Protein backbone atom coordinates (compact mmCIF):
# COMPACT_ATOMS: atom_id res chain seq x y z
CA MET A 1 144.12 35.81 119.13
CA THR A 2 146.75 35.78 116.40
CA ALA A 3 148.80 38.96 116.04
CA ASP A 4 148.82 40.73 112.69
CA PRO A 5 152.31 40.13 111.26
CA LEU A 6 152.07 43.41 109.30
CA THR A 7 152.17 45.37 112.56
CA VAL A 8 155.38 43.73 113.73
CA THR A 9 158.88 44.36 112.38
CA PHE A 10 159.79 41.39 110.25
CA SER A 11 163.38 40.56 111.09
CA LYS A 12 165.91 38.96 108.77
CA LEU A 13 165.89 35.94 111.08
CA GLY A 14 162.13 35.68 110.63
CA TRP A 15 162.45 35.61 106.86
CA LEU A 16 165.20 33.01 106.99
CA ALA A 17 163.20 30.79 109.34
CA LEU A 18 160.09 31.05 107.19
CA ALA A 19 162.02 30.29 104.00
CA ALA A 20 163.66 27.27 105.60
CA ILE A 21 160.35 25.78 106.73
CA ILE A 22 158.44 26.36 103.51
CA GLY A 23 161.33 25.49 101.22
CA ALA A 24 161.84 22.16 102.94
CA LEU A 25 158.21 21.14 103.12
CA TYR A 26 156.49 22.07 99.88
CA PRO A 27 157.28 22.34 96.15
CA SER A 28 156.94 25.75 94.53
CA ASP A 29 154.04 25.08 92.14
CA ALA A 30 151.38 27.22 93.84
CA SER A 31 149.24 29.52 91.71
CA ALA A 32 148.47 33.17 92.54
CA GLU A 33 145.68 33.87 94.99
CA GLU A 34 142.31 35.17 93.83
CA LEU A 35 140.03 37.41 95.88
CA VAL A 36 136.56 35.83 95.93
CA THR A 37 133.29 36.48 97.75
CA PHE A 38 130.78 34.02 99.16
CA ASN A 39 127.89 34.13 101.56
CA SER A 40 128.10 33.17 105.19
CA ALA A 41 125.75 30.22 105.66
CA PRO A 42 122.20 31.51 106.33
CA TYR A 43 120.07 30.25 109.19
CA ARG A 44 117.45 27.67 108.32
CA LEU A 45 114.03 28.71 109.62
CA GLY A 46 111.32 26.15 110.31
CA HIS A 47 107.74 26.66 109.17
CA ILE A 48 106.62 27.96 112.57
CA GLN A 49 109.52 30.39 112.76
CA GLU A 50 108.76 31.66 109.26
CA ARG A 51 105.09 32.19 110.10
CA LEU A 52 105.88 34.05 113.32
CA ALA A 53 108.40 36.23 111.50
CA ARG A 54 105.81 37.14 108.86
CA GLU A 55 103.27 37.97 111.58
CA ARG A 56 105.79 40.33 113.18
CA GLY A 57 106.37 41.96 109.80
CA GLU A 58 109.98 40.82 109.70
CA THR A 59 111.79 40.08 106.47
CA PRO A 60 114.60 37.51 106.22
CA LYS A 61 118.03 39.01 106.72
CA ALA A 62 120.22 39.11 103.64
CA PRO A 63 123.15 36.69 103.81
CA VAL A 64 126.42 38.27 104.97
CA SER A 65 128.92 38.55 102.12
CA ILE A 66 132.38 37.31 103.09
CA GLU A 67 135.67 37.81 101.29
CA GLY A 68 138.18 35.01 100.88
CA TYR A 69 141.49 34.35 99.18
CA LEU A 70 141.46 31.32 96.90
CA SER A 71 144.60 29.51 95.73
CA LYS A 72 144.91 26.24 93.82
CA PRO A 73 147.62 23.89 92.60
CA GLU A 74 148.42 23.65 88.91
CA GLY A 75 146.06 21.37 86.99
CA ASP A 76 142.36 20.65 86.62
CA GLY A 77 141.77 18.57 89.75
CA PRO A 78 139.52 17.70 91.38
CA PHE A 79 141.69 18.50 94.41
CA PRO A 80 141.01 18.16 98.13
CA ALA A 81 140.60 21.56 99.76
CA ILE A 82 141.20 23.45 103.00
CA VAL A 83 139.27 26.31 104.59
CA TYR A 84 141.63 28.45 106.68
CA LEU A 85 140.20 30.41 109.65
CA HIS A 86 142.26 33.30 111.03
CA GLY A 87 142.71 34.42 114.63
CA CYS A 88 141.03 37.27 116.49
CA GLY A 89 143.47 39.83 115.08
CA GLY A 90 142.13 39.34 111.56
CA LEU A 91 143.48 37.82 108.37
CA SER A 92 146.92 39.25 107.63
CA ARG A 93 148.55 38.95 104.25
CA GLY A 94 151.50 37.12 105.78
CA ALA A 95 149.32 34.46 107.42
CA ARG A 96 147.17 33.78 104.39
CA THR A 97 150.05 33.58 101.89
CA ARG A 98 152.13 31.44 104.23
CA MET A 99 149.26 28.97 104.62
CA ALA A 100 148.32 29.05 100.92
CA ASP A 101 151.90 28.36 99.87
CA LEU A 102 152.08 25.33 102.12
CA LEU A 103 148.67 23.92 101.21
CA THR A 104 148.83 24.39 97.46
CA GLY A 105 152.36 22.99 97.50
CA TRP A 106 150.90 19.85 99.09
CA GLY A 107 148.22 19.61 96.39
CA TYR A 108 145.26 21.27 98.15
CA VAL A 109 143.02 24.11 97.12
CA SER A 110 143.21 26.79 99.83
CA LEU A 111 140.47 29.25 100.80
CA ALA A 112 141.36 31.72 103.56
CA ALA A 113 138.08 33.15 104.85
CA ASP A 114 138.16 36.78 106.04
CA SER A 115 135.43 37.12 108.67
CA PHE A 116 136.20 40.75 109.52
CA SER A 117 136.75 42.95 106.45
CA THR A 118 133.20 43.04 105.07
CA ARG A 119 131.84 43.52 108.60
CA GLY A 120 134.17 46.45 109.29
CA ILE A 121 135.77 44.65 112.25
CA LYS A 122 139.37 45.49 113.17
CA ASP A 123 139.75 42.69 115.70
CA ALA A 124 137.57 40.49 117.90
CA CYS A 125 140.00 39.72 120.69
CA THR A 126 137.95 41.35 123.43
CA PRO A 127 134.47 41.98 121.94
CA GLN A 128 132.15 39.17 120.95
CA MET A 129 133.16 37.51 117.70
CA PRO A 130 130.79 37.28 114.71
CA ASP A 131 129.18 34.00 113.66
CA ARG A 132 132.34 32.40 112.36
CA GLU A 133 130.89 28.88 112.22
CA ALA A 134 128.50 30.24 109.58
CA ASP A 135 131.43 31.79 107.70
CA ALA A 136 133.29 28.47 107.71
CA LEU A 137 130.22 26.63 106.47
CA GLY A 138 129.70 29.25 103.78
CA ALA A 139 133.29 28.68 102.65
CA LEU A 140 132.67 24.92 102.69
CA SER A 141 129.58 25.36 100.52
CA TYR A 142 131.43 27.66 98.12
CA LEU A 143 134.32 25.24 97.67
CA SER A 144 132.00 22.27 97.18
CA LYS A 145 130.58 23.89 94.03
CA LEU A 146 133.92 24.54 92.33
CA PRO A 147 134.64 22.09 89.47
CA PHE A 148 138.27 21.61 90.53
CA VAL A 149 137.41 20.72 94.17
CA ASP A 150 136.50 17.28 95.50
CA ALA A 151 133.59 18.14 97.81
CA ARG A 152 134.07 14.90 99.74
CA ARG A 153 137.57 15.94 100.85
CA ILE A 154 137.44 19.37 102.46
CA ALA A 155 139.08 20.06 105.83
CA VAL A 156 139.23 23.10 108.08
CA VAL A 157 142.42 24.58 109.56
CA GLY A 158 142.13 27.28 112.20
CA ALA A 159 144.57 29.33 114.26
CA SER A 160 143.77 30.62 117.75
CA GLN A 161 140.16 31.89 117.57
CA GLY A 162 139.91 30.14 114.21
CA GLY A 163 141.19 27.03 115.96
CA PHE A 164 138.44 26.93 118.52
CA VAL A 165 135.88 27.56 115.77
CA ALA A 166 137.31 24.44 114.11
CA LEU A 167 136.78 22.53 117.38
CA GLN A 168 133.20 23.79 117.61
CA LEU A 169 132.53 22.63 114.06
CA GLY A 170 133.85 19.20 114.97
CA SER A 171 131.95 18.88 118.23
CA THR A 172 129.21 16.25 118.44
CA ASN A 173 126.57 18.96 118.66
CA SER A 174 128.04 20.61 115.56
CA ILE A 175 126.00 23.27 113.79
CA PRO A 176 125.52 21.39 110.48
CA ARG A 177 124.15 18.31 112.25
CA ALA A 178 121.78 20.44 114.31
CA GLY A 179 120.17 21.70 111.09
CA VAL A 180 120.55 25.34 112.12
CA TYR A 181 122.16 26.50 108.89
CA ASP A 182 120.79 26.15 105.39
CA ILE A 183 123.40 23.89 103.81
CA PRO A 184 123.00 20.38 102.38
CA GLU A 185 122.58 17.77 105.09
CA ASP A 186 125.36 15.60 103.65
CA LEU A 187 127.90 18.44 103.36
CA ASN A 188 130.44 18.61 106.16
CA PHE A 189 134.14 18.97 106.79
CA LYS A 190 136.14 15.76 106.73
CA ALA A 191 138.83 16.73 109.27
CA ALA A 192 140.06 19.64 111.37
CA VAL A 193 143.40 21.10 112.43
CA ALA A 194 143.44 23.54 115.35
CA TYR A 195 146.50 25.63 116.19
CA TYR A 196 146.53 26.78 119.85
CA PRO A 197 142.73 26.77 120.39
CA LYS A 198 140.75 27.07 123.61
CA CYS A 199 139.96 23.40 124.09
CA ASN A 200 137.23 24.06 126.66
CA VAL A 201 134.84 25.04 123.82
CA ALA A 202 134.76 21.46 122.52
CA THR A 203 132.29 18.81 123.58
CA ASP A 204 133.64 15.65 125.18
CA GLU A 205 133.44 13.87 121.84
CA LEU A 206 134.30 15.17 118.38
CA SER A 207 132.69 14.08 115.13
CA LEU A 208 135.70 14.95 112.95
CA PRO A 209 139.23 13.53 113.08
CA THR A 210 141.18 16.40 114.65
CA LEU A 211 144.77 17.49 115.19
CA ILE A 212 145.35 19.99 118.02
CA MET A 213 148.74 21.71 118.41
CA ILE A 214 149.58 24.08 121.26
CA GLY A 215 152.56 25.45 123.15
CA GLU A 216 153.32 24.28 126.68
CA LEU A 217 153.71 27.87 127.92
CA ASP A 218 150.74 29.38 126.06
CA ASP A 219 149.09 31.85 128.44
CA TRP A 220 146.19 32.74 126.12
CA SER A 221 144.99 29.26 125.19
CA SER A 222 145.76 26.71 127.88
CA ALA A 223 147.61 23.49 127.12
CA SER A 224 146.27 22.16 130.42
CA ASP A 225 142.70 22.68 129.19
CA CYS A 226 143.55 20.60 126.12
CA GLU A 227 144.98 17.84 128.32
CA ARG A 228 141.81 17.87 130.43
CA PHE A 229 139.72 17.66 127.26
CA MET A 230 141.66 14.60 126.16
CA LYS A 231 141.05 12.94 129.53
CA ARG A 232 137.31 13.71 129.37
CA ARG A 233 136.90 12.25 125.90
CA ALA A 234 138.78 9.10 126.92
CA GLY A 235 139.14 7.93 123.34
CA ARG A 236 135.47 8.35 122.45
CA GLY A 237 134.25 9.78 119.16
CA ALA A 238 136.47 10.59 116.19
CA PRO A 239 140.25 10.24 116.69
CA VAL A 240 141.99 13.28 118.16
CA ASP A 241 145.74 13.91 118.32
CA LEU A 242 147.07 16.48 120.78
CA ILE A 243 150.63 17.74 120.40
CA ILE A 244 152.08 20.03 123.08
CA TYR A 245 155.35 21.72 122.15
CA PRO A 246 157.68 22.18 125.16
CA GLY A 247 158.71 25.77 125.89
CA ALA A 248 156.48 27.21 123.13
CA TYR A 249 154.08 30.15 123.51
CA HIS A 250 151.00 31.36 121.66
CA ASP A 251 151.55 32.07 117.93
CA PHE A 252 154.63 29.83 117.93
CA ASN A 253 154.34 29.44 114.14
CA VAL A 254 154.29 33.17 113.23
CA PRO A 255 157.79 34.08 111.95
CA THR A 256 157.30 37.83 112.52
CA LEU A 257 157.30 37.19 116.28
CA VAL A 258 160.94 36.13 116.60
CA GLU A 259 161.54 38.81 119.25
CA GLY A 260 158.24 38.13 121.02
CA ARG A 261 155.40 40.54 121.72
CA ILE A 262 152.71 41.22 124.30
CA MET A 263 149.15 41.43 122.90
CA PHE A 264 146.13 41.99 125.12
CA GLY A 265 148.28 40.98 128.09
CA HIS A 266 149.50 37.72 126.56
CA TRP A 267 153.00 36.77 125.40
CA LEU A 268 153.31 35.78 121.75
CA LYS A 269 156.56 34.36 120.41
CA TYR A 270 157.82 32.43 117.40
CA ASP A 271 159.49 29.08 118.01
CA GLU A 272 161.30 27.70 114.97
CA ASP A 273 161.46 24.12 116.21
CA ALA A 274 157.78 24.00 117.18
CA ALA A 275 156.77 25.72 113.93
CA THR A 276 158.71 23.27 111.79
CA ARG A 277 157.40 20.25 113.67
CA SER A 278 153.83 21.54 113.52
CA VAL A 279 154.00 21.99 109.75
CA ARG A 280 155.19 18.42 109.35
CA ALA A 281 152.47 17.17 111.69
CA MET A 282 149.79 19.05 109.77
CA ARG A 283 151.13 17.81 106.43
CA ASP A 284 151.06 14.17 107.56
CA PHE A 285 147.64 14.49 109.22
CA LEU A 286 146.00 16.09 106.18
CA ALA A 287 147.59 13.55 103.85
CA GLU A 288 146.14 10.71 105.92
CA GLN A 289 142.66 12.22 106.27
CA LEU A 290 142.21 13.54 102.72
CA SER A 291 143.89 10.77 100.75
CA HIS A 292 140.54 9.20 99.81
């Protein structure tokens, strides 16, 4: 659900706004990104399922190879890490570098997972999306094996469609806990940040501390749905913070949308105040959750 900034004219105002936010909120010690590949988490088959598959003459499907962009702070670590999940418009260069610059500047390893490129998908805003929970868990598994990453301190940050995947991963019926995917039982995300997600995908309780940020006037993901979710959970489960930014629309943190744009019938527009406040909120939330 996030527009591709490369398809929108990037105004001088957009560059100035972006520079002001990033320059004020992170030091410039980020290292260059590296294109990496990892496998989307495979399904775990039980003994009965394996036997039935053999009887049908089926062979296990090969894991889906996913591309990602890895960035790290200077030094040996081990560092806490973040998996970034893009919106339904795909992973743009602007989005991934903007997020990597922020996260590495704060001392985190950043892995932006590209769920579309290796699958040949242009966007998934109207068709059914691929198994992005598996992609996120594959990224989690990949990061946990890197010598400069602290596997106990890995969070997920998602925008739009990536945001509601983050909420699904944090739901009390989350995929890792259900044993559906073949990853270690004790490996899980420690926290989640969701930018303008569809809150109705979440269960009434979450198992991960979560920060949700959304615009009051978002007509693609509903702020009202997020308010209803907060009422349903009534403080149960892991702590959840919901921030609604007055007057802000979908994609309020994308600097290329200064002039606004309609995408799939929805209004997308950058809001400098909401963007700046959201970056500060994410910085403080991640610092609290990943400090130990």
